[in-house]
C-alpha atoms as a PDB file:
ATOM      1  CA  MET A   1     129.025 -56.437   1.288  1.00  0.00           C
ATOM      2  CA  SER A   2     128.169 -52.888   0.279  1.00  0.00           C
ATOM      3  CA  PRO A   3     128.159 -51.821  -3.383  1.00  0.00           C
ATOM      4  CA  PHE A   4     131.176 -49.621  -2.616  1.00  0.00           C
ATOM      5  CA  ALA A   5     133.103 -52.586  -1.170  1.00  0.00           C
ATOM      6  CA  VAL A   6     132.175 -54.705  -4.213  1.00  0.00           C
ATOM      7  CA  ALA A   7     133.448 -51.940  -6.508  1.00  0.00           C
ATOM      8  CA  VAL A   8     136.707 -51.601  -4.560  1.00  0.00           C
ATOM      9  CA  LEU A   9     137.176 -55.372  -4.645  1.00  0.00           C
ATOM     10  CA  ALA A  10     136.408 -55.589  -8.378  1.00  0.00           C
ATOM     11  CA  ILE A  11     138.815 -52.804  -9.246  1.00  0.00           C
ATOM     12  CA  SER A  12     141.495 -54.183  -6.938  1.00  0.00           C
ATOM     13  CA  MET A  13     141.236 -57.630  -8.490  1.00  0.00           C
ATOM     14  CA  SER A  14     141.487 -56.225 -12.009  1.00  0.00           C
ATOM     15  CA  VAL A  15     144.525 -54.005 -11.480  1.00  0.00           C
ATOM     16  CA  ASP A  16     146.982 -56.871 -12.074  1.00  0.00           C
ATOM     17  CA  ALA A  17     145.371 -57.455 -15.454  1.00  0.00           C
ATOM     18  CA  PHE A  18     145.438 -53.709 -16.123  1.00  0.00           C
ATOM     19  CA  ALA A  19     149.163 -53.515 -15.347  1.00  0.00           C
ATOM     20  CA  VAL A  20     149.908 -56.477 -17.608  1.00  0.00           C
ATOM     21  CA  SER A  21     147.734 -54.993 -20.359  1.00  0.00           C
ATOM     22  CA  VAL A  22     149.528 -51.655 -20.129  1.00  0.00           C
ATOM     23  CA  GLY A  23     152.778 -53.552 -20.566  1.00  0.00           C
ATOM     24  CA  ARG A  24     151.372 -55.524 -23.510  1.00  0.00           C
ATOM     25  CA  GLY A  25     150.072 -52.352 -25.125  1.00  0.00           C
ATOM     26  CA  ALA A  26     153.436 -50.652 -24.640  1.00  0.00           C
ATOM     27  CA  ALA A  27     155.277 -53.671 -26.054  1.00  0.00           C
ATOM     28  CA  ILE A  28     153.016 -54.015 -29.094  1.00  0.00           C
ATOM     29  CA  GLY A  29     153.052 -50.300 -29.743  1.00  0.00           C
ATOM     30  CA  ARG A  30     149.805 -49.917 -31.611  1.00  0.00           C
ATOM     31  CA  PRO A  31     147.409 -52.687 -30.582  1.00  0.00           C
ATOM     32  CA  ARG A  32     144.497 -53.222 -32.930  1.00  0.00           C
ATOM     33  CA  LEU A  33     140.939 -53.005 -31.624  1.00  0.00           C
ATOM     34  CA  GLY A  34     140.387 -56.755 -32.130  1.00  0.00           C
ATOM     35  CA  GLU A  35     143.491 -57.589 -30.140  1.00  0.00           C
ATOM     36  CA  THR A  36     142.491 -55.137 -27.442  1.00  0.00           C
ATOM     37  CA  LEU A  37     139.009 -56.669 -27.123  1.00  0.00           C
ATOM     38  CA  ARG A  38     140.421 -60.219 -27.183  1.00  0.00           C
ATOM     39  CA  THR A  39     142.730 -59.315 -24.302  1.00  0.00           C
ATOM     40  CA  GLY A  40     139.841 -57.803 -22.343  1.00  0.00           C
ATOM     41  CA  ILE A  41     137.556 -60.780 -22.955  1.00  0.00           C
ATOM     42  CA  VAL A  42     140.158 -63.400 -22.002  1.00  0.00           C
ATOM     43  CA  PHE A  43     141.210 -61.555 -18.854  1.00  0.00           C
ATOM     44  CA  GLY A  44     137.579 -60.769 -17.934  1.00  0.00           C
ATOM     45  CA  VAL A  45     136.303 -64.333 -18.355  1.00  0.00           C
ATOM     46  CA  VAL A  46     139.196 -65.838 -16.411  1.00  0.00           C
ATOM     47  CA  GLU A  47     138.806 -63.251 -13.629  1.00  0.00           C
ATOM     48  CA  THR A  48     135.076 -64.062 -13.444  1.00  0.00           C
ATOM     49  CA  ILE A  49     135.662 -67.807 -13.117  1.00  0.00           C
ATOM     50  CA  THR A  50     138.517 -67.878 -10.591  1.00  0.00           C
ATOM     51  CA  PRO A  51     136.709 -66.279  -7.624  1.00  0.00           C
ATOM     52  CA  LEU A  52     133.853 -68.738  -8.215  1.00  0.00           C
ATOM     53  CA  VAL A  53     136.316 -71.648  -8.045  1.00  0.00           C
ATOM     54  CA  GLY A  54     137.862 -70.247  -4.868  1.00  0.00           C
ATOM     55  CA  TRP A  55     134.461 -69.575  -3.319  1.00  0.00           C
ATOM     56  CA  THR A  56     133.353 -73.156  -4.037  1.00  0.00           C
ATOM     57  CA  ALA A  57     136.460 -74.509  -2.301  1.00  0.00           C
ATOM     58  CA  GLY A  58     135.887 -72.147   0.624  1.00  0.00           C
ATOM     59  CA  VAL A  59     132.237 -73.170   1.006  1.00  0.00           C
ATOM     60  CA  ALA A  60     133.293 -76.827   1.079  1.00  0.00           C
ATOM     61  CA  ALA A  61     135.681 -76.050   3.956  1.00  0.00           C
ATOM     62  CA  SER A  62     133.570 -73.457   5.766  1.00  0.00           C
ATOM     63  CA  SER A  63     131.904 -75.811   8.240  1.00  0.00           C
ATOM     64  CA  PHE A  64     135.322 -76.883   9.497  1.00  0.00           C
ATOM     65  CA  VAL A  65     136.654 -73.370  10.073  1.00  0.00           C
ATOM     66  CA  GLN A  66     133.578 -71.366  11.065  1.00  0.00           C
ATOM     67  CA  ALA A  67     135.072 -70.179  14.367  1.00  0.00           C
ATOM     68  CA  VAL A  68     138.069 -68.547  12.656  1.00  0.00           C
ATOM     69  CA  ASP A  69     136.590 -67.671   9.266  1.00  0.00           C
ATOM     70  CA  HIS A  70     137.020 -63.904   9.746  1.00  0.00           C
ATOM     71  CA  TRP A  71     140.711 -64.412  10.506  1.00  0.00           C
ATOM     72  CA  ILE A  72     141.090 -66.548   7.366  1.00  0.00           C
ATOM     73  CA  ALA A  73     139.343 -63.908   5.249  1.00  0.00           C
ATOM     74  CA  PHE A  74     141.583 -61.222   6.751  1.00  0.00           C
ATOM     75  CA  ALA A  75     144.768 -63.275   6.258  1.00  0.00           C
ATOM     76  CA  LEU A  76     143.974 -64.137   2.635  1.00  0.00           C
ATOM     77  CA  LEU A  77     142.965 -60.603   1.663  1.00  0.00           C
ATOM     78  CA  ALA A  78     145.965 -59.115   3.471  1.00  0.00           C
ATOM     79  CA  ALA A  79     148.350 -61.666   1.927  1.00  0.00           C
ATOM     80  CA  VAL A  80     147.029 -61.080  -1.589  1.00  0.00           C
ATOM     81  CA  GLY A  81     147.138 -57.325  -1.032  1.00  0.00           C
ATOM     82  CA  LEU A  82     150.696 -57.440   0.285  1.00  0.00           C
ATOM     83  CA  HIS A  83     151.763 -59.676  -2.600  1.00  0.00           C
ATOM     84  CA  THR A  84     150.151 -57.287  -5.096  1.00  0.00           C
ATOM     85  CA  PHE A  85     151.846 -54.310  -3.465  1.00  0.00           C
ATOM     86  CA  LEU A  86     155.266 -55.991  -3.446  1.00  0.00           C
ATOM     87  CA  ASN A  87     154.826 -57.049  -7.090  1.00  0.00           C
ATOM     88  CA  ALA A  88     154.303 -53.391  -7.959  1.00  0.00           C
ATOM     89  CA  LEU A  89     157.639 -52.569  -6.376  1.00  0.00           C
ATOM     90  CA  GLY A  90     159.446 -55.288  -8.373  1.00  0.00           C
ATOM     91  CA  ASP A  91     160.767 -55.013 -11.907  1.00  0.00           C
ATOM     92  CA  LYS A  92     158.524 -56.898 -14.331  1.00  0.00           C
ATOM     93  CA  LYS A  93     159.729 -57.433 -17.844  1.00  0.00           C
ATOM     94  CA  THR A  94     157.444 -56.576 -20.732  1.00  0.00           C
ATOM     95  CA  VAL A  95     156.458 -59.409 -23.050  1.00  0.00           C
ATOM     96  CA  ALA A  96     158.058 -59.161 -26.483  1.00  0.00           C
ATOM     97  CA  PRO A  97     155.450 -58.127 -29.081  1.00  0.00           C
ATOM     98  CA  GLU A  98     155.727 -61.275 -31.190  1.00  0.00           C
ATOM     99  CA  LYS A  99     155.473 -63.569 -28.163  1.00  0.00           C
ATOM    100  CA  GLY A 100     152.760 -61.594 -26.387  1.00  0.00           C
ATOM    101  CA  ARG A 101     150.190 -61.985 -29.141  1.00  0.00           C
ATOM    102  CA  SER A 102     149.547 -65.752 -28.990  1.00  0.00           C
ATOM    103  CA  LEU A 103     146.321 -66.904 -27.373  1.00  0.00           C
ATOM    104  CA  THR A 104     148.236 -69.442 -25.274  1.00  0.00           C
ATOM    105  CA  VAL A 105     150.481 -66.748 -23.787  1.00  0.00           C
ATOM    106  CA  LEU A 106     147.465 -64.503 -23.233  1.00  0.00           C
ATOM    107  CA  LEU A 107     145.523 -67.262 -21.457  1.00  0.00           C
ATOM    108  CA  ALA A 108     148.518 -68.241 -19.299  1.00  0.00           C
ATOM    109  CA  THR A 109     149.006 -64.604 -18.338  1.00  0.00           C
ATOM    110  CA  ALA A 110     145.303 -64.226 -17.504  1.00  0.00           C
ATOM    111  CA  ILE A 111     145.400 -67.301 -15.282  1.00  0.00           C
ATOM    112  CA  GLY A 112     148.562 -66.078 -13.589  1.00  0.00           C
ATOM    113  CA  THR A 113     147.063 -62.693 -12.777  1.00  0.00           C
ATOM    114  CA  SER A 114     143.786 -64.229 -11.569  1.00  0.00           C
ATOM    115  CA  LEU A 115     145.158 -66.526  -8.879  1.00  0.00           C
ATOM    116  CA  ASP A 116     144.717 -63.729  -6.372  1.00  0.00           C
ATOM    117  CA  ALA A 117     141.016 -63.610  -7.301  1.00  0.00           C
ATOM    118  CA  MET A 118     140.784 -67.317  -6.500  1.00  0.00           C
ATOM    119  CA  ALA A 119     142.276 -66.720  -3.048  1.00  0.00           C
ATOM    120  CA  VAL A 120     139.858 -63.835  -2.514  1.00  0.00           C
ATOM    121  CA  GLY A 121     137.024 -66.150  -3.596  1.00  0.00           C
ATOM    122  CA  VAL A 122     138.029 -68.544  -0.821  1.00  0.00           C
ATOM    123  CA  SER A 123     137.881 -65.713   1.711  1.00  0.00           C
ATOM    124  CA  LEU A 124     134.473 -64.593   0.408  1.00  0.00           C
ATOM    125  CA  ALA A 125     133.054 -68.035   1.162  1.00  0.00           C
ATOM    126  CA  PHE A 126     133.312 -67.152   4.845  1.00  0.00           C
ATOM    127  CA  LEU A 127     131.308 -63.944   4.441  1.00  0.00           C
ATOM    128  CA  ASP A 128     127.653 -63.344   3.684  1.00  0.00           C
ATOM    129  CA  VAL A 129     128.028 -62.184   0.076  1.00  0.00           C
ATOM    130  CA  ASN A 130     126.451 -62.769  -3.312  1.00  0.00           C
ATOM    131  CA  ILE A 131     129.395 -64.391  -5.104  1.00  0.00           C
ATOM    132  CA  ALA A 132     127.729 -64.196  -8.528  1.00  0.00           C
ATOM    133  CA  VAL A 133     127.412 -60.410  -8.323  1.00  0.00           C
ATOM    134  CA  ILE A 134     130.992 -60.075  -7.090  1.00  0.00           C
ATOM    135  CA  ALA A 135     132.404 -62.419  -9.757  1.00  0.00           C
ATOM    136  CA  ILE A 136     130.551 -60.581 -12.524  1.00  0.00           C
ATOM    137  CA  ALA A 137     131.716 -57.222 -11.141  1.00  0.00           C
ATOM    138  CA  ILE A 138     135.318 -58.476 -11.114  1.00  0.00           C
ATOM    139  CA  GLY A 139     134.968 -59.792 -14.675  1.00  0.00           C
ATOM    140  CA  VAL A 140     133.441 -56.600 -16.045  1.00  0.00           C
ATOM    141  CA  ALA A 141     135.996 -54.414 -14.275  1.00  0.00           C
ATOM    142  CA  THR A 142     138.801 -56.629 -15.578  1.00  0.00           C
ATOM    143  CA  PHE A 143     137.463 -56.500 -19.142  1.00  0.00           C
ATOM    144  CA  CYS A 144     137.258 -52.712 -19.033  1.00  0.00           C
ATOM    145  CA  MET A 145     140.622 -52.205 -17.358  1.00  0.00           C
ATOM    146  CA  SER A 146     142.445 -54.729 -19.557  1.00  0.00           C
ATOM    147  CA  SER A 147     141.040 -53.302 -22.769  1.00  0.00           C
ATOM    148  CA  GLY A 148     141.760 -49.771 -21.608  1.00  0.00           C
ATOM    149  CA  GLY A 149     145.215 -50.802 -20.431  1.00  0.00           C
ATOM    150  CA  MET A 150     146.078 -52.108 -23.889  1.00  0.00           C
ATOM    151  CA  LEU A 151     145.039 -48.838 -25.497  1.00  0.00           C
ATOM    152  CA  LEU A 152     146.764 -46.705 -22.885  1.00  0.00           C
ATOM    153  CA  GLY A 153     149.947 -48.763 -22.822  1.00  0.00           C
ATOM    154  CA  ARG A 154     151.803 -46.870 -25.475  1.00  0.00           C
ATOM    155  CA  LEU A 155     150.758 -43.525 -24.006  1.00  0.00           C
ATOM    156  CA  ILE A 156     151.412 -43.953 -20.301  1.00  0.00           C
ATOM    157  CA  GLY A 157     153.937 -46.781 -20.232  1.00  0.00           C
ATOM    158  CA  ARG A 158     154.479 -49.302 -17.464  1.00  0.00           C
ATOM    159  CA  HIS A 159     155.110 -46.842 -14.600  1.00  0.00           C
ATOM    160  CA  PHE A 160     151.449 -45.892 -14.098  1.00  0.00           C
ATOM    161  CA  GLY A 161     150.458 -49.567 -14.135  1.00  0.00           C
ATOM    162  CA  LYS A 162     152.822 -50.181 -11.223  1.00  0.00           C
ATOM    163  CA  VAL A 163     151.345 -47.285  -9.232  1.00  0.00           C
ATOM    164  CA  ALA A 164     147.819 -48.595  -9.808  1.00  0.00           C
ATOM    165  CA  GLU A 165     148.908 -52.095  -8.783  1.00  0.00           C
ATOM    166  CA  ALA A 166     150.456 -50.766  -5.555  1.00  0.00           C
ATOM    167  CA  LEU A 167     147.248 -48.889  -4.712  1.00  0.00           C
ATOM    168  CA  ALA A 168     145.198 -52.037  -5.385  1.00  0.00           C
ATOM    169  CA  GLY A 169     147.395 -53.986  -2.980  1.00  0.00           C
ATOM    170  CA  ILE A 170     146.845 -51.401  -0.273  1.00  0.00           C
ATOM    171  CA  ALA A 171     143.079 -51.464  -0.938  1.00  0.00           C
ATOM    172  CA  LEU A 172     142.973 -55.252  -0.511  1.00  0.00           C
ATOM    173  CA  VAL A 173     144.843 -55.095   2.799  1.00  0.00           C
ATOM    174  CA  LEU A 174     142.424 -52.404   4.009  1.00  0.00           C
ATOM    175  CA  LEU A 175     139.454 -54.502   2.870  1.00  0.00           C
ATOM    176  CA  GLY A 176     140.834 -57.431   4.893  1.00  0.00           C
ATOM    177  CA  VAL A 177     141.246 -55.195   7.929  1.00  0.00           C
ATOM    178  CA  SER A 178     137.672 -53.921   7.544  1.00  0.00           C
ATOM    179  CA  VAL A 179     136.345 -57.530   7.435  1.00  0.00           C
ATOM    180  CA  LEU A 180     138.229 -58.300  10.634  1.00  0.00           C
ATOM    181  CA  VAL A 181     137.168 -55.110  12.409  1.00  0.00           C
ATOM    182  CA  GLU A 182     133.534 -55.575  11.346  1.00  0.00           C
ATOM    183  CA  HIS A 183     133.478 -59.125  12.728  1.00  0.00           C
ATOM    184  CA  LEU A 184     135.302 -58.339  15.977  1.00  0.00           C
ATOM    185  CA  THR A 185     133.136 -55.308  16.762  1.00  0.00           C
ATOM    186  CA  ALA A 186     129.794 -56.966  15.885  1.00  0.00           C
END
């Protein structure tokens, strides 16, 4: 996978966390630096771990599905991308400031937004990629975007987060299509 594709994947996987962080920042109003960094760290660590978990499950199953692995990678990436895009079109409620600050709520939110990264990890098991580099790239991108999203939340509101999430969904679908095209034309 090219460095550009890794960057697109990392940014696409972190946009959910960015959108949630923008909402959290908007709900809290004036997030403190410590709270902003805590949000970035929790989201980043969870987003680093989940593709590794998915990749491990995919590697375990890869010998059974080798003939159709490119179709599985395409289907998972396209499904996650479509889900991300449709989520952007929906109306998400912002977490109330007093409820959004607990570590339990933050961790549950991070896990919820990282399930797509787990599915992408499964699809990556069928490709010749360095999963450690990709997982770290996803984690770093998520940390940066979540922290930035918290700080930008009160300035830009939730609308921009939805636009970014929609674009990430489209990017994932296109990445799935490129995997399929690359395999079918090779």
